[in-house]
Structure formats: structure tokens, C-alpha cells
Amino acid sequence: MGKLDWGWRVAYLYNKKQFRNSGSMKDAYLSQWLPEDKFSADLGVGYYWSDYISKKWSGNLNAAYKLGDEHLLEANFDYSREKMDVDMDHIHAYDTGYGAAVGGRKYLRNYNINEYHFTLQDTIVLNDDGDFKLTPVFRADKVEMDTMSDNDKRWKYSGGAALQKQINDHWSFKTSWGTYNRHPNFYEIFGDGGNIRPNWGGGWGTANNYYDISTAGTWERGEQFDFSLNWQGSMARADTDTVLTWFQRKADLQYILFMPMLPNFPSTYYPVSNVEVKGVELSHSMKWERLGLTLAGTWQKAEYSDTALNHVGVKQGVTMTPEWVFNVRLDYLFPGDKLSSFVEYNYTDEQLSLIHISEPTRPEPIS
């Protein structure tokens, strides 16, 4: 619409997950105890079976407006509403006197979450040649969930800025710095009903209440920085683009996956603090008339020193974060320009799956 570009999207997601511990259910049945109708205070709710049903509506509205020759205003708004229905070993039995059987805790059958994400940015041209640009960005995020404290439900604000410059015909650079806020999703907090279980046993700011409504909240927050140097030109008769990037991030309450190396023991997410990530990425692409080659490699070091889960002063690697990742891709466009094919190779280095928890604050296994 003239200088205004805009778009919208509406989506619906239905997701059903069923977990059945068939071996244990059979053993319980043979011992005259029917797990279809009861649960065990010792083993925990969801030990035998669980059903997770999620229904999610989401929508997006975005727009870009060119304000003269020096400004490009862009706005993006996302909204989603998700409802998750949960049944684990018939947890409705808690409403009929079983509530005190497992620490007096109340288990919810339904979870509702509303998310709002708004971004506004302006790309500003700083010189007459149009090759020096500054992009400030502002973000506002809000999450409303049944089990959240009032502090957690407030709007969270973050922002940053990016700077890019075309130095000459071959060289350019881009750098950005900013803060961010991220709220964990349903499954990081409540698990998926099977392999990933909720974790109520490790407190943030207190001893045993990560997700308690009286605590400081569950938002991940931090700041990040990156700097990229880019070379464009011709090499071996191919259009070539090479980018070298340095990146780093500091975060608090980053959720990392804890995977105990025990038989039939579920994984769970823990929020940890004092997370530092740094790394280098090199990418190189070459494009001929019908052939394309892309090479990329990333090295990163991700560590944390959370005093609630770790010994004081001892750094621990972040789980499921490989130190090295490589990618090679070869594309070919057949004559006629209607059919293409590619072959690709990906390498992911070994990944740490365990975190160390010091003995005084080790949480008990939970359902």
C-alpha cells in the first residue's frame, strides 16, 4: 500500500502426547493394583501413564513503512493463547482426599497461557551514500499463566542496536548489542508427560521453589553482543561471500536440560544463573551458474557458575550445547531452472547431558 508493507498470519496447533509405562503397569496389574485408577505417593504422579493435550491459537501482525529516504520503520506483534489439559494416573483423585498423599501439593488439570510479543525498530541511514546504517530496536514481552506471580505477569522490556557499514566494494561489517527477556514454554516448566518431567524441587532465590508464585519469577534475561566482518567478491569464477562472526552472551535463569544417566529416569529442565557463552562462526558460500557450495563452522564455549546447583566458583558446561558444529551443502540447479537437488552433511560435536548438583541442595526425584 504505497510506502506501507504489511502482513498477517493466523495459526492453530493441536498436539496430543500419550505416555505409557507399560512394563510397570503390567507388574502393578499382576500384583492386584490397578494403575489405571490409582496413583502412588511413593513413585509420584505420572509414573504409570499420562495424557497431555495442547490447543494453541496464534496470530501475527507486521508492518514496514518507509519514511523518506533515511528511515524504515518496522513493527511486529505476536499473540498466542494455549491451553493444555493434563491427566496423569487420574490426578482428579486429588480432589477427593488424595491431595495430602504427596506433600499436600495440588495438581492442576488445566493450564492456560497467553503470550504477547511486540517489536519496534527503525533502520536509519547515516550517510549520503546509503551504506552506513543504524538500527535501534525496542521489545516488549508479556506472559500470563495460571501459576505465575504478579511480578512475572508484568511487561518485560528490552532493546538494543545494530550498526552496519559497507567499507568498500568487498568489505563490510555489522555489529549488534542488546538485552533480551525469554519466558520458558510449557514443557520446560511442566514437562511433556513422558520423558521430560516437571521440576518443583530446586528453588530460585529460595531452597525449593523454582516455580513457586512467591519467588522472583521464571523469566530468562541477559545481554548479547556480536561483530561480523564480511567479504564479497569473485573467487574461482564464483560469486563468493565469506563472513567471520564473534558472538557472546550473558544470561540468568537460562533453562538447561538435565538428563540423569539412570535407567528409566526422566529428564527435567533446571534454570541456572551466571551463564556465559562465547564463540566464533565462519561461513563461506560460492555460487556458480548452476552449482552452489556452502561451508560453515561454529565453535562455542558455554559455561555457568550457579551457586544454587554447583560448587561455589566452579564452572560447569551447559548441557546439550556442542563445542563444535560443521555444515557442508552442495546445491545443483538442473537445466530448465525448474528442478534442483542438494546433498548436505552436518556434524555435531559431543554434548554434555549431566549437570553437577552439590549435595546440600540436591533435589529429590519427582514426578
Protein backbone atom coordinates (compact mmCIF):
# COMPACT_ATOMS: atom_id res chain seq x y z
CA MET A 1 0.00 0.00 0.00
CA GLY A 2 2.30 2.74 -1.27
CA LYS A 3 5.13 3.10 1.24
CA LEU A 4 3.49 0.66 3.64
CA ASP A 5 4.01 -3.09 3.52
CA TRP A 6 2.01 -5.20 5.92
CA GLY A 7 1.06 -8.81 6.54
CA TRP A 8 -0.81 -11.09 8.90
CA ARG A 9 -0.91 -14.74 9.90
CA VAL A 10 -3.28 -16.91 11.94
CA ALA A 11 -2.38 -20.43 13.05
CA TYR A 12 -3.89 -23.27 15.10
CA LEU A 13 -1.97 -26.15 16.66
CA TYR A 14 -3.36 -29.33 18.20
CA ASN A 15 -0.88 -31.57 19.94
CA LYS A 16 -1.60 -34.76 21.88
CA LYS A 17 1.05 -36.73 23.74
CA GLN A 18 0.45 -40.04 25.49
CA PHE A 19 2.90 -41.77 27.82
CA ARG A 20 2.51 -45.38 28.98
CA ASN A 21 4.96 -47.12 31.32
CA SER A 22 3.68 -50.45 30.04
CA GLY A 23 6.12 -52.69 31.92
CA SER A 24 5.37 -51.15 35.31
CA MET A 25 1.65 -51.08 34.57
CA LYS A 26 1.75 -54.82 33.87
CA ASP A 27 3.66 -55.53 37.09
CA ALA A 28 1.20 -53.45 39.11
CA TYR A 29 -1.76 -55.22 37.50
CA LEU A 30 -0.33 -58.63 38.37
CA SER A 31 0.06 -57.52 41.99
CA GLN A 32 -3.65 -56.74 42.19
CA TRP A 33 -3.16 -52.97 42.00
CA LEU A 34 -4.71 -51.24 39.02
CA PRO A 35 -2.61 -48.22 37.95
CA GLU A 36 -5.37 -47.14 35.57
CA ASP A 37 -7.39 -46.00 38.56
CA LYS A 38 -4.86 -45.00 41.18
CA PHE A 39 -1.50 -43.38 41.68
CA SER A 40 1.42 -43.95 44.02
CA ALA A 41 2.54 -41.40 46.59
CA ASP A 42 5.98 -43.01 46.59
CA LEU A 43 6.51 -43.24 42.84
CA GLY A 44 4.87 -39.92 42.02
CA VAL A 45 2.01 -38.85 39.81
CA GLY A 46 2.55 -39.75 36.17
CA TYR A 47 4.77 -42.75 36.88
CA TYR A 48 2.40 -45.13 35.10
CA TRP A 49 0.73 -43.05 32.42
CA SER A 50 -0.10 -39.51 31.34
CA ASP A 51 -2.02 -37.65 28.64
CA TYR A 52 -1.04 -34.13 27.56
CA ILE A 53 -3.38 -32.35 25.13
CA SER A 54 -2.41 -28.87 23.93
CA LYS A 55 -4.52 -26.48 21.84
CA LYS A 56 -2.90 -23.27 20.68
CA TRP A 57 -4.17 -20.29 18.69
CA SER A 58 -1.64 -17.75 17.49
CA GLY A 59 -1.64 -14.65 15.33
CA ASN A 60 0.86 -12.20 13.89
CA LEU A 61 0.59 -8.68 12.50
CA ASN A 62 3.61 -6.97 10.96
CA ALA A 63 4.25 -3.77 9.02
CA ALA A 64 7.09 -1.80 7.44
CA TYR A 65 6.84 1.89 6.49
CA LYS A 66 9.43 3.83 4.50
CA LEU A 67 9.68 7.30 5.99
CA GLY A 68 11.57 9.34 3.42
CA ASP A 69 14.97 8.15 2.26
CA GLU A 70 16.53 7.85 5.71
CA HIS A 71 14.12 5.78 7.80
CA LEU A 72 12.49 2.36 7.53
CA LEU A 73 10.09 1.77 10.43
CA GLU A 74 9.17 -1.86 11.18
CA ALA A 75 6.74 -3.27 13.72
CA ASN A 76 5.87 -6.84 14.63
CA PHE A 77 3.23 -8.15 17.04
CA ASP A 78 2.70 -11.78 18.06
CA TYR A 79 -0.10 -13.12 20.21
CA SER A 80 -0.85 -16.68 21.25
CA ARG A 81 -3.26 -18.43 23.60
CA GLU A 82 -2.52 -22.01 24.61
CA LYS A 83 -4.48 -24.40 26.78
CA MET A 84 -3.07 -27.69 27.97
CA ASP A 85 -5.21 -30.43 29.52
CA VAL A 86 -3.33 -32.93 31.67
CA ASP A 87 -4.26 -36.27 33.18
CA MET A 88 -1.65 -38.38 34.99
CA ASP A 89 -2.71 -41.57 36.78
CA HIS A 90 -6.13 -39.93 37.21
CA ILE A 91 -4.90 -36.94 39.19
CA HIS A 92 -8.51 -35.84 39.69
CA ALA A 93 -8.34 -38.21 42.65
CA TYR A 94 -6.51 -35.42 44.48
CA ASP A 95 -9.82 -33.61 44.72
CA THR A 96 -11.28 -36.49 46.71
CA GLY A 97 -8.84 -36.69 49.57
CA TYR A 98 -5.56 -37.77 48.00
CA GLY A 99 -4.08 -34.27 47.96
CA ALA A 100 -2.13 -34.73 51.17
CA ALA A 101 -0.64 -38.02 49.96
CA VAL A 102 2.20 -36.32 48.05
CA GLY A 103 3.39 -33.43 50.18
CA GLY A 104 -0.02 -31.77 50.21
CA ARG A 105 0.54 -30.44 46.71
CA LYS A 106 -2.28 -29.51 44.39
CA TYR A 107 -2.03 -30.81 40.83
CA LEU A 108 -3.84 -28.84 38.15
CA ARG A 109 -5.77 -30.49 35.35
CA ASN A 110 -5.66 -27.48 33.03
CA TYR A 111 -3.02 -24.89 32.22
CA ASN A 112 -3.68 -21.66 30.33
CA ILE A 113 -1.08 -19.30 28.94
CA ASN A 114 -1.34 -16.03 26.97
CA GLU A 115 1.73 -14.54 25.30
CA TYR A 116 2.25 -11.05 23.86
CA HIS A 117 5.41 -10.06 21.96
CA PHE A 118 5.90 -6.64 20.38
CA THR A 119 8.93 -5.34 18.46
CA LEU A 120 9.54 -1.87 17.01
CA GLN A 121 12.67 -0.89 15.11
CA ASP A 122 13.92 1.88 12.83
CA THR A 123 16.68 1.47 10.25
CA ILE A 124 18.34 4.86 9.93
CA VAL A 125 20.65 5.78 7.04
CA LEU A 126 23.56 7.80 8.41
CA ASN A 127 25.33 8.99 5.23
CA ASP A 128 24.55 10.21 1.73
CA ASP A 129 25.81 7.01 0.07
CA GLY A 130 23.26 4.95 1.99
CA ASP A 131 25.80 2.33 3.10
CA PHE A 132 26.08 3.27 6.79
CA LYS A 133 23.03 2.26 8.83
CA LEU A 134 21.96 2.27 12.47
CA THR A 135 19.04 0.12 13.67
CA PRO A 136 17.72 0.67 17.19
CA VAL A 137 15.17 -1.90 18.38
CA PHE A 138 12.65 -1.93 21.24
CA ARG A 139 10.87 -5.04 22.54
CA ALA A 140 8.03 -5.62 24.97
CA ASP A 141 7.01 -9.10 26.13
CA LYS A 142 4.30 -10.32 28.44
CA VAL A 143 3.20 -13.79 29.56
CA GLU A 144 0.12 -14.63 31.60
CA MET A 145 -0.07 -18.11 33.12
CA ASP A 146 -2.15 -19.65 35.90
CA THR A 147 0.77 -20.39 38.22
CA MET A 148 2.69 -17.14 37.77
CA SER A 149 3.24 -14.46 40.39
CA ASP A 150 2.13 -10.88 39.77
CA ASN A 151 5.76 -9.90 39.24
CA ASP A 152 6.06 -12.50 36.49
CA LYS A 153 2.93 -11.26 34.71
CA ARG A 154 4.22 -7.71 34.23
CA TRP A 155 5.50 -6.46 30.89
CA LYS A 156 9.21 -7.12 30.35
CA TYR A 157 11.16 -4.60 28.27
CA SER A 158 14.40 -4.99 26.35
CA GLY A 159 16.20 -3.36 23.45
CA GLY A 160 19.38 -2.92 21.53
CA ALA A 161 21.00 -1.51 18.43
CA ALA A 162 22.76 -2.72 15.29
CA LEU A 163 25.32 -0.88 13.16
CA GLN A 164 26.38 -1.85 9.63
CA LYS A 165 28.77 -0.25 7.14
CA GLN A 166 29.87 -1.06 3.62
CA ILE A 167 33.58 -0.15 3.73
CA ASN A 168 34.33 -0.66 0.03
CA ASP A 169 33.28 -2.94 -2.85
CA HIS A 170 34.46 -6.04 -0.99
CA TRP A 171 34.45 -5.40 2.75
CA SER A 172 31.65 -4.62 5.18
CA PHE A 173 30.94 -5.10 8.88
CA LYS A 174 27.93 -5.46 11.12
CA THR A 175 27.69 -5.38 14.89
CA SER A 176 24.83 -5.52 17.37
CA TRP A 177 24.30 -5.32 21.11
CA GLY A 178 21.16 -5.74 23.14
CA THR A 179 19.27 -7.20 26.05
CA TYR A 180 16.53 -9.78 25.94
CA ASN A 181 13.83 -11.50 28.01
CA ARG A 182 12.54 -15.03 27.37
CA HIS A 183 9.89 -16.94 29.25
CA PRO A 184 10.16 -20.75 29.33
CA ASN A 185 7.50 -22.66 27.46
CA PHE A 186 5.00 -25.14 28.89
CA TYR A 187 7.27 -28.13 28.53
CA GLU A 188 10.33 -26.56 30.12
CA ILE A 189 8.25 -25.94 33.25
CA PHE A 190 5.69 -28.74 33.32
CA GLY A 191 7.38 -31.40 31.20
CA ASP A 192 5.86 -33.34 28.31
CA GLY A 193 4.19 -36.08 30.33
CA GLY A 194 6.75 -38.72 29.46
CA ASN A 195 10.48 -38.27 29.03
CA ILE A 196 10.59 -34.76 30.50
CA ARG A 197 9.13 -34.22 33.95
CA PRO A 198 8.42 -31.01 35.86
CA ASN A 199 10.91 -29.91 38.47
CA TRP A 200 9.46 -28.48 41.66
CA GLY A 201 12.49 -29.36 43.74
CA GLY A 202 15.08 -26.68 43.02
CA GLY A 203 14.46 -23.14 44.16
CA TRP A 204 15.41 -19.87 42.55
CA GLY A 205 16.16 -17.44 45.35
CA THR A 206 14.80 -19.95 47.87
CA ALA A 207 15.70 -23.53 48.62
CA ASN A 208 12.90 -25.45 46.94
CA ASN A 209 10.67 -23.26 44.82
CA TYR A 210 11.78 -22.55 41.28
CA TYR A 211 8.21 -22.24 40.09
CA ASP A 212 6.52 -21.09 43.27
CA ILE A 213 4.40 -17.95 42.83
CA SER A 214 6.18 -16.28 45.75
CA THR A 215 9.60 -16.27 44.05
CA ALA A 216 11.25 -13.69 41.82
CA GLY A 217 9.95 -15.24 38.64
CA THR A 218 10.88 -17.58 35.81
CA TRP A 219 12.00 -15.23 33.01
CA GLU A 220 15.37 -15.80 31.39
CA ARG A 221 17.16 -12.49 30.92
CA GLY A 222 20.51 -11.40 29.60
CA GLU A 223 22.54 -9.40 27.12
CA GLN A 224 24.34 -10.36 23.93
CA PHE A 225 26.87 -8.93 21.50
CA ASP A 226 28.17 -9.90 18.08
CA PHE A 227 30.54 -8.50 15.47
CA SER A 228 30.75 -9.71 11.86
CA LEU A 229 33.29 -8.99 9.14
CA ASN A 230 32.09 -9.76 5.62
CA TRP A 231 33.99 -10.16 2.33
CA GLN A 232 32.16 -10.30 -1.01
CA GLY A 233 33.73 -10.79 -4.40
CA SER A 234 34.71 -13.29 -7.07
CA MET A 235 36.73 -16.43 -6.39
CA ALA A 236 37.26 -19.36 -8.79
CA ARG A 237 34.73 -17.76 -11.16
CA ALA A 238 32.07 -17.87 -8.44
CA ASP A 239 30.20 -15.15 -6.57
CA THR A 240 31.67 -15.52 -3.10
CA ASP A 241 30.52 -14.40 0.33
CA THR A 242 32.63 -15.01 3.46
CA VAL A 243 31.54 -13.97 6.96
CA LEU A 244 33.51 -14.20 10.21
CA THR A 245 31.48 -13.56 13.38
CA TRP A 246 32.33 -13.26 17.05
CA PHE A 247 29.39 -13.63 19.47
CA GLN A 248 28.93 -13.64 23.22
CA ARG A 249 26.06 -13.73 25.69
CA LYS A 250 25.47 -13.49 29.43
CA ALA A 251 22.25 -14.85 30.90
CA ASP A 252 20.44 -15.53 34.16
CA LEU A 253 17.77 -18.20 34.63
CA GLN A 254 18.67 -19.98 31.40
CA TYR A 255 16.86 -23.31 31.26
CA ILE A 256 19.17 -26.26 30.65
CA LEU A 257 18.17 -29.90 30.23
CA PHE A 258 19.29 -32.32 32.96
CA MET A 259 19.46 -35.93 31.74
CA PRO A 260 20.39 -38.36 34.55
CA MET A 261 22.22 -41.46 33.33
CA LEU A 262 19.89 -43.78 35.21
CA PRO A 263 17.55 -46.45 33.82
CA ASN A 264 14.03 -45.17 33.15
CA PHE A 265 14.74 -41.88 34.90
CA PRO A 266 13.15 -38.84 33.22
CA SER A 267 14.89 -35.65 32.22
CA THR A 268 13.98 -32.24 33.60
CA TYR A 269 14.82 -28.58 32.97
CA TYR A 270 16.72 -26.52 35.52
CA PRO A 271 17.11 -22.73 35.42
CA VAL A 272 20.72 -21.74 36.09
CA SER A 273 22.41 -18.37 36.51
CA ASN A 274 25.74 -16.79 35.57
CA VAL A 275 25.69 -18.34 32.10
CA GLU A 276 28.40 -17.13 29.73
CA VAL A 277 28.55 -18.11 26.07
CA LYS A 278 31.22 -17.05 23.61
CA GLY A 279 32.12 -18.29 20.18
CA VAL A 280 33.27 -17.79 16.61
CA GLU A 281 31.46 -18.67 13.41
CA LEU A 282 32.93 -18.80 9.89
CA SER A 283 30.73 -19.23 6.83
CA HIS A 284 31.78 -19.32 3.17
CA SER A 285 29.46 -19.58 0.17
CA MET A 286 30.24 -19.84 -3.55
CA LYS A 287 27.66 -19.57 -6.32
CA TRP A 288 28.26 -20.55 -9.94
CA GLU A 289 25.63 -20.56 -12.69
CA ARG A 290 24.05 -23.84 -11.56
CA LEU A 291 26.20 -25.01 -8.71
CA GLY A 292 26.28 -23.68 -5.14
CA LEU A 293 28.59 -24.57 -2.24
CA THR A 294 28.15 -23.52 1.38
CA LEU A 295 30.61 -24.23 4.19
CA ALA A 296 30.07 -23.24 7.81
CA GLY A 297 31.75 -23.96 11.14
CA THR A 298 30.99 -22.79 14.67
CA TRP A 299 32.99 -23.01 17.88
CA GLN A 300 31.34 -22.04 21.13
CA LYS A 301 32.06 -22.28 24.83
CA ALA A 302 29.03 -22.25 27.15
CA GLU A 303 29.55 -22.34 30.93
CA TYR A 304 27.71 -21.38 34.09
CA SER A 305 28.60 -20.97 37.76
CA ASP A 306 25.27 -21.21 39.53
CA THR A 307 25.89 -21.36 43.28
CA ALA A 308 22.47 -22.96 43.89
CA LEU A 309 23.30 -26.02 41.78
CA ASN A 310 27.08 -26.03 41.67
CA HIS A 311 30.04 -25.70 44.00
CA VAL A 312 30.96 -22.07 44.54
CA GLY A 313 33.44 -20.82 41.97
CA VAL A 314 33.32 -23.99 39.84
CA LYS A 315 32.25 -23.57 36.23
CA GLN A 316 30.15 -26.22 34.52
CA GLY A 317 29.42 -26.74 30.84
CA VAL A 318 25.87 -26.03 29.67
CA THR A 319 24.09 -29.23 28.70
CA MET A 320 23.13 -30.04 25.11
CA THR A 321 25.45 -27.31 23.79
CA PRO A 322 28.14 -28.75 21.49
CA GLU A 323 31.53 -27.08 21.30
CA TRP A 324 31.88 -27.67 17.54
CA VAL A 325 29.31 -27.72 14.73
CA PHE A 326 30.09 -28.05 10.99
CA ASN A 327 27.90 -27.91 7.90
CA VAL A 328 28.60 -28.57 4.21
CA ARG A 329 25.97 -28.22 1.50
CA LEU A 330 26.16 -28.62 -2.28
CA ASP A 331 23.27 -27.41 -4.48
CA TYR A 332 22.64 -28.02 -8.18
CA LEU A 333 20.01 -26.39 -10.43
CA PHE A 334 19.17 -28.53 -13.45
CA PRO A 335 18.78 -27.00 -16.95
CA GLY A 336 15.31 -25.54 -17.35
CA ASP A 337 15.51 -23.92 -13.91
CA LYS A 338 12.61 -25.98 -12.53
CA LEU A 339 14.34 -28.85 -10.75
CA SER A 340 17.07 -28.64 -8.13
CA SER A 341 18.77 -31.06 -5.77
CA PHE A 342 21.23 -30.86 -2.92
CA VAL A 343 23.40 -33.02 -0.71
CA GLU A 344 24.21 -31.90 2.84
CA TYR A 345 26.43 -33.05 5.70
CA ASN A 346 26.09 -31.91 9.31
CA TYR A 347 28.46 -32.66 12.17
CA THR A 348 27.61 -32.00 15.81
CA ASP A 349 30.25 -32.48 18.47
CA GLU A 350 29.72 -34.42 21.69
CA GLN A 351 27.21 -32.83 24.03
CA LEU A 352 27.20 -32.77 27.81
CA SER A 353 23.98 -34.22 29.26
CA LEU A 354 24.67 -34.05 33.00
CA ILE A 355 24.87 -31.12 35.38
CA HIS A 356 26.56 -31.27 38.76
CA ILE A 357 24.40 -30.53 41.77
CA SER A 358 26.14 -30.07 45.10
CA GLU A 359 24.91 -32.37 47.84
CA PRO A 360 23.31 -29.76 50.17
CA THR A 361 20.82 -28.63 47.51
CA ARG A 362 20.26 -31.88 45.59
CA PRO A 363 16.50 -32.13 44.89
CA GLU A 364 14.69 -35.40 45.36
CA PRO A 365 13.41 -37.26 42.26
CA ILE A 366 9.94 -36.00 41.45
CA SER A 367 7.04 -36.86 39.19
